[in-house]
Amino acid sequence: MQCLGKSCILFLIFLLTAVSFTHGGNVLVLPGEYSHWHNMRNILEELLNRNHSVTVLVNSASPTVNFTAQERFPFLVFDVPLKAHEVHSVSEQMIDIWMQYPTPSMVTIGLQIVDLMGKVNEFQRTLCDSMLRNDALIARLRDLKFDVLFYDPMFLCSDLLAEILDLPLVLSLRVSLGFSMERMCGQMPSPPSYVPVPPSVMTDHMCFMERVKNMISYVFYSVGFRMVLMSLDNYYSEILGKDSRKRSRMFFSSHEHLYCGKCS
């Protein structure tokens, strides 16, 4: 009987220890939009199934994330001086450019993309300011004691939030123009000789001229991506209160390693 009692005590200790080992993490989520959000949402459901806590941080102008709906996870909404239809119009413009390719000339497509990127950067700066300069929001996020930030790099300053909260990063990426982020952040091999650049109607079997066109497209998107990163240098330094470029001089882009989630 005494042995049975000791066995029960040991069994209870084992159960309590096992429960502590299976304690889930506290995950802060900063989603992208459209298919990016739908992709992330499936991952969130699986995180919840595995006993993790999930909180989705979303802006009030999100055209995709329905933060008024009843979900298994809570939403934390921060206000932005934008409307959902304004954000959606920029996405529609990007889709229009994608769908008309390759009918117009590459020059026309390039000029349209440059114009679009200007609008995207303006919107992104507004979203970032509304999030990062909101002292009450930052204080609340710190109080919630998250373990990790799970984000879509479609939100340009997501890694800045992780830097401020001192959180590790996990990225979810669907696709970027010209595979720019996949190549520069994820070191994804993409030989221009047989990997067609998105958006493109070419296959992995290209003639010489198609390979030349593919190479030019890769160069165009690479230069554009690095220009966007360079334009963020001053903003990152301003938010962090220090020269963020000093930490990135060893890399081929002045701010690429930070924007890509310190992937370098």
C-alpha atoms as a PDB file:
ATOM      1  CA  MET A   1       0.000   0.000   0.000  1.00  0.00           C
ATOM      2  CA  GLN A   2       2.866   2.330   0.859  1.00  0.00           C
ATOM      3  CA  CYS A   3       4.516   1.531  -2.466  1.00  0.00           C
ATOM      4  CA  LEU A   4       1.246   2.285  -4.232  1.00  0.00           C
ATOM      5  CA  GLY A   5       1.077   5.686  -2.532  1.00  0.00           C
ATOM      6  CA  LYS A   6       4.636   6.521  -3.585  1.00  0.00           C
ATOM      7  CA  SER A   7       3.838   5.427  -7.133  1.00  0.00           C
ATOM      8  CA  CYS A   8       0.829   7.758  -7.228  1.00  0.00           C
ATOM      9  CA  ILE A   9       2.941  10.678  -6.006  1.00  0.00           C
ATOM     10  CA  LEU A  10       5.619   9.980  -8.616  1.00  0.00           C
ATOM     11  CA  PHE A  11       2.947   9.723 -11.293  1.00  0.00           C
ATOM     12  CA  LEU A  12       1.463  13.100 -10.294  1.00  0.00           C
ATOM     13  CA  ILE A  13       4.926  14.702 -10.350  1.00  0.00           C
ATOM     14  CA  PHE A  14       5.482  13.273 -13.827  1.00  0.00           C
ATOM     15  CA  LEU A  15       2.147  14.686 -15.056  1.00  0.00           C
ATOM     16  CA  LEU A  16       2.891  18.146 -13.670  1.00  0.00           C
ATOM     17  CA  THR A  17       6.347  18.085 -15.259  1.00  0.00           C
ATOM     18  CA  ALA A  18       4.916  17.002 -18.599  1.00  0.00           C
ATOM     19  CA  VAL A  19       2.368  19.818 -18.509  1.00  0.00           C
ATOM     20  CA  SER A  20       5.127  22.366 -17.925  1.00  0.00           C
ATOM     21  CA  PHE A  21       7.069  20.956 -20.887  1.00  0.00           C
ATOM     22  CA  THR A  22       4.067  21.304 -23.215  1.00  0.00           C
ATOM     23  CA  HIS A  23       3.280  24.893 -22.288  1.00  0.00           C
ATOM     24  CA  GLY A  24       2.689  26.828 -25.526  1.00  0.00           C
ATOM     25  CA  GLY A  25       4.338  30.035 -26.613  1.00  0.00           C
ATOM     26  CA  ASN A  26       2.817  33.508 -26.804  1.00  0.00           C
ATOM     27  CA  VAL A  27       2.848  34.567 -30.456  1.00  0.00           C
ATOM     28  CA  LEU A  28       2.335  38.098 -31.789  1.00  0.00           C
ATOM     29  CA  VAL A  29       1.186  38.099 -35.415  1.00  0.00           C
ATOM     30  CA  LEU A  30       1.508  40.983 -37.877  1.00  0.00           C
ATOM     31  CA  PRO A  31      -0.258  39.793 -41.023  1.00  0.00           C
ATOM     32  CA  GLY A  32      -0.104  40.778 -44.658  1.00  0.00           C
ATOM     33  CA  GLU A  33      -3.174  41.129 -46.839  1.00  0.00           C
ATOM     34  CA  TYR A  34      -5.161  38.999 -49.279  1.00  0.00           C
ATOM     35  CA  SER A  35      -3.554  35.613 -50.030  1.00  0.00           C
ATOM     36  CA  HIS A  36      -0.755  36.450 -47.573  1.00  0.00           C
ATOM     37  CA  TRP A  37      -3.294  36.616 -44.742  1.00  0.00           C
ATOM     38  CA  HIS A  38      -5.124  33.462 -45.824  1.00  0.00           C
ATOM     39  CA  ASN A  39      -1.845  31.592 -45.890  1.00  0.00           C
ATOM     40  CA  MET A  40      -0.880  32.845 -42.415  1.00  0.00           C
ATOM     41  CA  ARG A  41      -4.313  32.086 -41.006  1.00  0.00           C
ATOM     42  CA  ASN A  42      -3.904  28.375 -41.715  1.00  0.00           C
ATOM     43  CA  ILE A  43      -0.643  28.451 -39.764  1.00  0.00           C
ATOM     44  CA  LEU A  44      -2.333  30.261 -36.878  1.00  0.00           C
ATOM     45  CA  GLU A  45      -5.013  27.592 -36.679  1.00  0.00           C
ATOM     46  CA  GLU A  46      -2.328  24.945 -36.363  1.00  0.00           C
ATOM     47  CA  LEU A  47      -0.516  26.965 -33.692  1.00  0.00           C
ATOM     48  CA  LEU A  48      -3.733  27.127 -31.693  1.00  0.00           C
ATOM     49  CA  ASN A  49      -4.239  23.387 -32.127  1.00  0.00           C
ATOM     50  CA  ARG A  50      -0.789  22.934 -30.576  1.00  0.00           C
ATOM     51  CA  ASN A  51      -1.642  24.940 -27.467  1.00  0.00           C
ATOM     52  CA  HIS A  52       0.054  28.229 -28.423  1.00  0.00           C
ATOM     53  CA  SER A  53      -1.451  31.629 -27.671  1.00  0.00           C
ATOM     54  CA  VAL A  54      -1.936  33.861 -30.706  1.00  0.00           C
ATOM     55  CA  THR A  55      -2.700  37.597 -30.902  1.00  0.00           C
ATOM     56  CA  VAL A  56      -3.152  39.286 -34.286  1.00  0.00           C
ATOM     57  CA  LEU A  57      -2.052  42.925 -34.474  1.00  0.00           C
ATOM     58  CA  VAL A  58      -3.948  44.585 -37.311  1.00  0.00           C
ATOM     59  CA  ASN A  59      -4.465  48.135 -38.554  1.00  0.00           C
ATOM     60  CA  SER A  60      -7.930  49.661 -38.780  1.00  0.00           C
ATOM     61  CA  ALA A  61      -7.677  50.081 -42.584  1.00  0.00           C
ATOM     62  CA  SER A  62      -7.023  46.428 -43.365  1.00  0.00           C
ATOM     63  CA  PRO A  63      -9.035  45.440 -46.473  1.00  0.00           C
ATOM     64  CA  THR A  64      -8.662  41.720 -45.768  1.00  0.00           C
ATOM     65  CA  VAL A  65      -8.487  40.948 -42.042  1.00  0.00           C
ATOM     66  CA  ASN A  66     -12.000  41.044 -40.596  1.00  0.00           C
ATOM     67  CA  PHE A  67     -11.102  41.999 -37.041  1.00  0.00           C
ATOM     68  CA  THR A  68     -14.776  42.307 -36.027  1.00  0.00           C
ATOM     69  CA  ALA A  69     -15.396  38.594 -36.629  1.00  0.00           C
ATOM     70  CA  GLN A  70     -15.393  35.978 -33.885  1.00  0.00           C
ATOM     71  CA  GLU A  71     -12.175  34.000 -34.103  1.00  0.00           C
ATOM     72  CA  ARG A  72     -10.247  31.553 -31.947  1.00  0.00           C
ATOM     73  CA  PHE A  73      -7.619  34.244 -31.454  1.00  0.00           C
ATOM     74  CA  PRO A  74      -7.987  37.869 -30.308  1.00  0.00           C
ATOM     75  CA  PHE A  75      -7.334  40.911 -32.466  1.00  0.00           C
ATOM     76  CA  LEU A  76      -5.437  43.966 -31.297  1.00  0.00           C
ATOM     77  CA  VAL A  77      -6.400  46.882 -33.565  1.00  0.00           C
ATOM     78  CA  PHE A  78      -4.472  50.126 -33.938  1.00  0.00           C
ATOM     79  CA  ASP A  79      -5.934  53.142 -35.728  1.00  0.00           C
ATOM     80  CA  VAL A  80      -4.474  54.542 -38.940  1.00  0.00           C
ATOM     81  CA  PRO A  81      -5.537  57.671 -40.898  1.00  0.00           C
ATOM     82  CA  LEU A  82      -6.465  55.573 -43.927  1.00  0.00           C
ATOM     83  CA  LYS A  83      -9.523  53.790 -45.250  1.00  0.00           C
ATOM     84  CA  ALA A  84      -9.697  50.169 -46.374  1.00  0.00           C
ATOM     85  CA  HIS A  85     -10.714  51.147 -49.915  1.00  0.00           C
ATOM     86  CA  GLU A  86      -7.614  53.348 -50.250  1.00  0.00           C
ATOM     87  CA  VAL A  87      -5.322  50.449 -49.375  1.00  0.00           C
ATOM     88  CA  HIS A  88      -7.298  48.138 -51.637  1.00  0.00           C
ATOM     89  CA  SER A  89      -6.969  50.504 -54.610  1.00  0.00           C
ATOM     90  CA  VAL A  90      -3.169  50.205 -54.477  1.00  0.00           C
ATOM     91  CA  SER A  91      -3.444  46.410 -54.514  1.00  0.00           C
ATOM     92  CA  GLU A  92      -5.794  46.581 -57.479  1.00  0.00           C
ATOM     93  CA  GLN A  93      -3.261  48.705 -59.348  1.00  0.00           C
ATOM     94  CA  MET A  94      -0.586  46.084 -58.716  1.00  0.00           C
ATOM     95  CA  ILE A  95      -2.878  43.328 -60.005  1.00  0.00           C
ATOM     96  CA  ASP A  96      -3.653  45.379 -63.120  1.00  0.00           C
ATOM     97  CA  ILE A  97       0.058  45.726 -63.861  1.00  0.00           C
ATOM     98  CA  TRP A  98       0.548  41.994 -63.299  1.00  0.00           C
ATOM     99  CA  MET A  99      -2.380  40.998 -65.552  1.00  0.00           C
ATOM    100  CA  GLN A 100      -1.399  43.177 -68.514  1.00  0.00           C
ATOM    101  CA  TYR A 101       2.162  41.812 -68.605  1.00  0.00           C
ATOM    102  CA  PRO A 102       3.768  41.295 -71.135  1.00  0.00           C
ATOM    103  CA  THR A 103       1.522  43.250 -73.542  1.00  0.00           C
ATOM    104  CA  PRO A 104       3.022  46.711 -72.867  1.00  0.00           C
ATOM    105  CA  SER A 105       6.716  47.296 -73.291  1.00  0.00           C
ATOM    106  CA  MET A 106       9.093  46.592 -70.420  1.00  0.00           C
ATOM    107  CA  VAL A 107       9.679  50.348 -70.125  1.00  0.00           C
ATOM    108  CA  THR A 108       5.956  50.990 -69.650  1.00  0.00           C
ATOM    109  CA  ILE A 109       5.707  48.219 -67.067  1.00  0.00           C
ATOM    110  CA  GLY A 110       8.758  49.578 -65.272  1.00  0.00           C
ATOM    111  CA  LEU A 111       7.340  53.107 -65.075  1.00  0.00           C
ATOM    112  CA  GLN A 112       4.033  51.781 -63.744  1.00  0.00           C
ATOM    113  CA  ILE A 113       5.832  49.772 -61.076  1.00  0.00           C
ATOM    114  CA  VAL A 114       7.913  52.798 -60.030  1.00  0.00           C
ATOM    115  CA  ASP A 115       4.725  54.858 -59.660  1.00  0.00           C
ATOM    116  CA  LEU A 116       3.082  52.057 -57.684  1.00  0.00           C
ATOM    117  CA  MET A 117       6.052  51.662 -55.357  1.00  0.00           C
ATOM    118  CA  GLY A 118       5.855  55.369 -54.525  1.00  0.00           C
ATOM    119  CA  LYS A 119       2.254  54.943 -53.393  1.00  0.00           C
ATOM    120  CA  VAL A 120       3.051  51.755 -51.500  1.00  0.00           C
ATOM    121  CA  ASN A 121       5.915  53.438 -49.640  1.00  0.00           C
ATOM    122  CA  GLU A 122       3.675  56.366 -48.704  1.00  0.00           C
ATOM    123  CA  PHE A 123       0.990  54.048 -47.321  1.00  0.00           C
ATOM    124  CA  GLN A 124       3.542  51.881 -45.558  1.00  0.00           C
ATOM    125  CA  ARG A 125       5.132  54.901 -43.869  1.00  0.00           C
ATOM    126  CA  THR A 126       1.690  55.925 -42.570  1.00  0.00           C
ATOM    127  CA  LEU A 127       1.041  52.417 -41.225  1.00  0.00           C
ATOM    128  CA  CYS A 128       4.469  52.251 -39.610  1.00  0.00           C
ATOM    129  CA  ASP A 129       4.097  55.642 -37.936  1.00  0.00           C
ATOM    130  CA  SER A 130       0.682  54.705 -36.579  1.00  0.00           C
ATOM    131  CA  MET A 131       2.110  51.549 -35.043  1.00  0.00           C
ATOM    132  CA  LEU A 132       5.632  52.447 -33.946  1.00  0.00           C
ATOM    133  CA  ARG A 133       4.938  55.977 -32.698  1.00  0.00           C
ATOM    134  CA  ASN A 134       1.959  54.816 -30.628  1.00  0.00           C
ATOM    135  CA  ASP A 135       3.451  54.722 -27.130  1.00  0.00           C
ATOM    136  CA  ALA A 136       0.307  53.255 -25.565  1.00  0.00           C
ATOM    137  CA  LEU A 137       0.284  50.409 -28.096  1.00  0.00           C
ATOM    138  CA  ILE A 138       3.990  49.624 -27.619  1.00  0.00           C
ATOM    139  CA  ALA A 139       3.555  49.617 -23.826  1.00  0.00           C
ATOM    140  CA  ARG A 140       0.610  47.222 -24.090  1.00  0.00           C
ATOM    141  CA  LEU A 141       2.543  44.895 -26.361  1.00  0.00           C
ATOM    142  CA  ARG A 142       5.412  44.836 -23.883  1.00  0.00           C
ATOM    143  CA  ASP A 143       3.012  44.062 -21.028  1.00  0.00           C
ATOM    144  CA  LEU A 144       1.614  41.072 -22.939  1.00  0.00           C
ATOM    145  CA  LYS A 145       5.107  39.512 -22.925  1.00  0.00           C
ATOM    146  CA  PHE A 146       5.182  37.815 -26.308  1.00  0.00           C
ATOM    147  CA  ASP A 147       7.764  35.165 -27.122  1.00  0.00           C
ATOM    148  CA  VAL A 148       8.031  35.702 -30.873  1.00  0.00           C
ATOM    149  CA  LEU A 149       6.803  37.916 -33.725  1.00  0.00           C
ATOM    150  CA  PHE A 150       5.325  36.040 -36.683  1.00  0.00           C
ATOM    151  CA  TYR A 151       4.994  38.471 -39.570  1.00  0.00           C
ATOM    152  CA  ASP A 152       4.616  38.971 -43.286  1.00  0.00           C
ATOM    153  CA  PRO A 153       7.313  41.254 -44.767  1.00  0.00           C
ATOM    154  CA  MET A 154       4.551  42.817 -46.854  1.00  0.00           C
ATOM    155  CA  PHE A 155       4.385  45.098 -43.774  1.00  0.00           C
ATOM    156  CA  LEU A 156       7.687  46.904 -44.294  1.00  0.00           C
ATOM    157  CA  CYS A 157       8.543  47.842 -40.699  1.00  0.00           C
ATOM    158  CA  SER A 158       7.496  44.596 -39.004  1.00  0.00           C
ATOM    159  CA  ASP A 159      11.087  43.830 -38.063  1.00  0.00           C
ATOM    160  CA  LEU A 160      11.351  47.269 -36.452  1.00  0.00           C
ATOM    161  CA  LEU A 161       8.540  46.279 -34.097  1.00  0.00           C
ATOM    162  CA  ALA A 162      10.449  43.117 -33.222  1.00  0.00           C
ATOM    163  CA  GLU A 163      13.551  45.219 -32.584  1.00  0.00           C
ATOM    164  CA  ILE A 164      11.653  47.543 -30.256  1.00  0.00           C
ATOM    165  CA  LEU A 165      10.020  44.637 -28.382  1.00  0.00           C
ATOM    166  CA  ASP A 166      13.242  42.586 -28.430  1.00  0.00           C
ATOM    167  CA  LEU A 167      11.515  39.594 -30.021  1.00  0.00           C
ATOM    168  CA  PRO A 168      12.835  36.897 -32.363  1.00  0.00           C
ATOM    169  CA  LEU A 169      11.338  36.786 -35.854  1.00  0.00           C
ATOM    170  CA  VAL A 170       9.539  34.209 -37.968  1.00  0.00           C
ATOM    171  CA  LEU A 171       8.615  35.207 -41.528  1.00  0.00           C
ATOM    172  CA  SER A 172       5.765  34.084 -43.756  1.00  0.00           C
ATOM    173  CA  LEU A 173       6.254  35.034 -47.404  1.00  0.00           C
ATOM    174  CA  ARG A 174       4.083  34.135 -50.386  1.00  0.00           C
ATOM    175  CA  VAL A 175       5.972  35.726 -53.276  1.00  0.00           C
ATOM    176  CA  SER A 176       7.716  39.008 -54.043  1.00  0.00           C
ATOM    177  CA  LEU A 177       8.204  40.813 -57.342  1.00  0.00           C
ATOM    178  CA  GLY A 178      11.220  39.410 -59.108  1.00  0.00           C
ATOM    179  CA  PHE A 179      11.770  36.947 -56.236  1.00  0.00           C
ATOM    180  CA  SER A 180      13.621  39.888 -54.680  1.00  0.00           C
ATOM    181  CA  MET A 181      13.120  38.945 -51.050  1.00  0.00           C
ATOM    182  CA  GLU A 182      13.498  35.238 -51.685  1.00  0.00           C
ATOM    183  CA  ARG A 183      16.851  35.796 -53.401  1.00  0.00           C
ATOM    184  CA  MET A 184      18.305  38.539 -51.204  1.00  0.00           C
ATOM    185  CA  CYS A 185      16.862  37.507 -47.858  1.00  0.00           C
ATOM    186  CA  GLY A 186      16.465  33.765 -48.199  1.00  0.00           C
ATOM    187  CA  GLN A 187      19.454  33.128 -50.508  1.00  0.00           C
ATOM    188  CA  MET A 188      17.103  31.229 -52.835  1.00  0.00           C
ATOM    189  CA  PRO A 189      18.923  30.062 -55.978  1.00  0.00           C
ATOM    190  CA  SER A 190      17.314  31.550 -59.091  1.00  0.00           C
ATOM    191  CA  PRO A 191      19.520  31.253 -62.184  1.00  0.00           C
ATOM    192  CA  PRO A 192      18.077  33.626 -64.830  1.00  0.00           C
ATOM    193  CA  SER A 193      18.852  31.063 -67.522  1.00  0.00           C
ATOM    194  CA  TYR A 194      15.928  28.840 -66.517  1.00  0.00           C
ATOM    195  CA  VAL A 195      14.045  30.430 -63.558  1.00  0.00           C
ATOM    196  CA  PRO A 196      11.550  32.951 -65.022  1.00  0.00           C
ATOM    197  CA  VAL A 197      11.123  36.131 -62.995  1.00  0.00           C
ATOM    198  CA  PRO A 198       7.600  36.867 -61.698  1.00  0.00           C
ATOM    199  CA  PRO A 199       5.474  38.277 -63.212  1.00  0.00           C
ATOM    200  CA  SER A 200       6.305  36.391 -66.369  1.00  0.00           C
ATOM    201  CA  VAL A 201       4.718  34.076 -68.929  1.00  0.00           C
ATOM    202  CA  MET A 202       8.013  32.381 -69.742  1.00  0.00           C
ATOM    203  CA  THR A 203       8.811  28.807 -68.782  1.00  0.00           C
ATOM    204  CA  ASP A 204      12.033  27.166 -67.629  1.00  0.00           C
ATOM    205  CA  HIS A 205      12.850  26.478 -71.298  1.00  0.00           C
ATOM    206  CA  MET A 206      13.887  29.857 -72.712  1.00  0.00           C
ATOM    207  CA  CYS A 207      15.582  30.858 -75.910  1.00  0.00           C
ATOM    208  CA  PHE A 208      18.573  33.207 -75.839  1.00  0.00           C
ATOM    209  CA  MET A 209      16.534  36.422 -76.178  1.00  0.00           C
ATOM    210  CA  GLU A 210      14.112  35.287 -73.475  1.00  0.00           C
ATOM    211  CA  ARG A 211      17.051  34.678 -71.172  1.00  0.00           C
ATOM    212  CA  VAL A 212      18.351  38.176 -71.910  1.00  0.00           C
ATOM    213  CA  LYS A 213      14.930  39.645 -71.125  1.00  0.00           C
ATOM    214  CA  ASN A 214      14.728  37.545 -67.974  1.00  0.00           C
ATOM    215  CA  MET A 215      18.142  38.765 -66.844  1.00  0.00           C
ATOM    216  CA  ILE A 216      17.188  42.417 -67.418  1.00  0.00           C
ATOM    217  CA  SER A 217      14.024  41.882 -65.371  1.00  0.00           C
ATOM    218  CA  TYR A 218      16.028  40.387 -62.495  1.00  0.00           C
ATOM    219  CA  VAL A 219      18.381  43.367 -62.520  1.00  0.00           C
ATOM    220  CA  PHE A 220      15.452  45.815 -62.600  1.00  0.00           C
ATOM    221  CA  TYR A 221      13.698  44.239 -59.603  1.00  0.00           C
ATOM    222  CA  SER A 222      16.946  43.844 -57.673  1.00  0.00           C
ATOM    223  CA  VAL A 223      17.838  47.524 -58.113  1.00  0.00           C
ATOM    224  CA  GLY A 224      14.295  48.574 -57.204  1.00  0.00           C
ATOM    225  CA  PHE A 225      14.309  46.439 -54.056  1.00  0.00           C
ATOM    226  CA  ARG A 226      17.632  47.836 -52.889  1.00  0.00           C
ATOM    227  CA  MET A 227      16.456  51.392 -53.537  1.00  0.00           C
ATOM    228  CA  VAL A 228      13.443  50.766 -51.320  1.00  0.00           C
ATOM    229  CA  LEU A 229      15.731  49.452 -48.586  1.00  0.00           C
ATOM    230  CA  MET A 230      18.035  52.442 -48.862  1.00  0.00           C
ATOM    231  CA  SER A 231      15.055  54.787 -48.575  1.00  0.00           C
ATOM    232  CA  LEU A 232      14.210  53.144 -45.240  1.00  0.00           C
ATOM    233  CA  ASP A 233      17.613  53.803 -43.655  1.00  0.00           C
ATOM    234  CA  ASN A 234      16.802  57.230 -42.258  1.00  0.00           C
ATOM    235  CA  TYR A 235      13.405  56.081 -41.032  1.00  0.00           C
ATOM    236  CA  TYR A 236      14.855  53.079 -39.187  1.00  0.00           C
ATOM    237  CA  SER A 237      17.549  55.261 -37.636  1.00  0.00           C
ATOM    238  CA  GLU A 238      14.940  57.798 -36.558  1.00  0.00           C
ATOM    239  CA  ILE A 239      12.709  55.198 -34.909  1.00  0.00           C
ATOM    240  CA  LEU A 240      15.566  53.346 -33.199  1.00  0.00           C
ATOM    241  CA  GLY A 241      17.293  56.543 -32.092  1.00  0.00           C
ATOM    242  CA  LYS A 242      20.615  55.425 -33.557  1.00  0.00           C
ATOM    243  CA  ASP A 243      22.305  55.046 -36.927  1.00  0.00           C
ATOM    244  CA  SER A 244      21.039  51.690 -38.136  1.00  0.00           C
ATOM    245  CA  ARG A 245      23.403  51.773 -41.122  1.00  0.00           C
ATOM    246  CA  LYS A 246      26.457  51.166 -38.917  1.00  0.00           C
ATOM    247  CA  ARG A 247      25.338  47.618 -38.278  1.00  0.00           C
ATOM    248  CA  SER A 248      24.801  46.836 -41.920  1.00  0.00           C
ATOM    249  CA  ARG A 249      27.927  48.062 -43.699  1.00  0.00           C
ATOM    250  CA  MET A 250      29.229  44.516 -43.898  1.00  0.00           C
ATOM    251  CA  PHE A 251      26.264  43.499 -46.057  1.00  0.00           C
ATOM    252  CA  PHE A 252      25.645  44.212 -49.720  1.00  0.00           C
ATOM    253  CA  SER A 253      22.644  46.417 -48.961  1.00  0.00           C
ATOM    254  CA  SER A 254      22.694  49.162 -46.373  1.00  0.00           C
ATOM    255  CA  HIS A 255      19.582  47.950 -44.604  1.00  0.00           C
ATOM    256  CA  GLU A 256      18.754  44.669 -46.225  1.00  0.00           C
ATOM    257  CA  HIS A 257      19.707  42.385 -43.334  1.00  0.00           C
ATOM    258  CA  LEU A 258      17.417  44.223 -40.921  1.00  0.00           C
ATOM    259  CA  TYR A 259      14.443  44.462 -43.240  1.00  0.00           C
ATOM    260  CA  CYS A 260      14.783  40.791 -44.117  1.00  0.00           C
ATOM    261  CA  GLY A 261      14.611  39.806 -40.484  1.00  0.00           C
ATOM    262  CA  LYS A 262      18.397  39.693 -39.878  1.00  0.00           C
ATOM    263  CA  CYS A 263      18.449  36.825 -42.345  1.00  0.00           C
ATOM    264  CA  SER A 264      22.010  37.574 -43.421  1.00  0.00           C
END
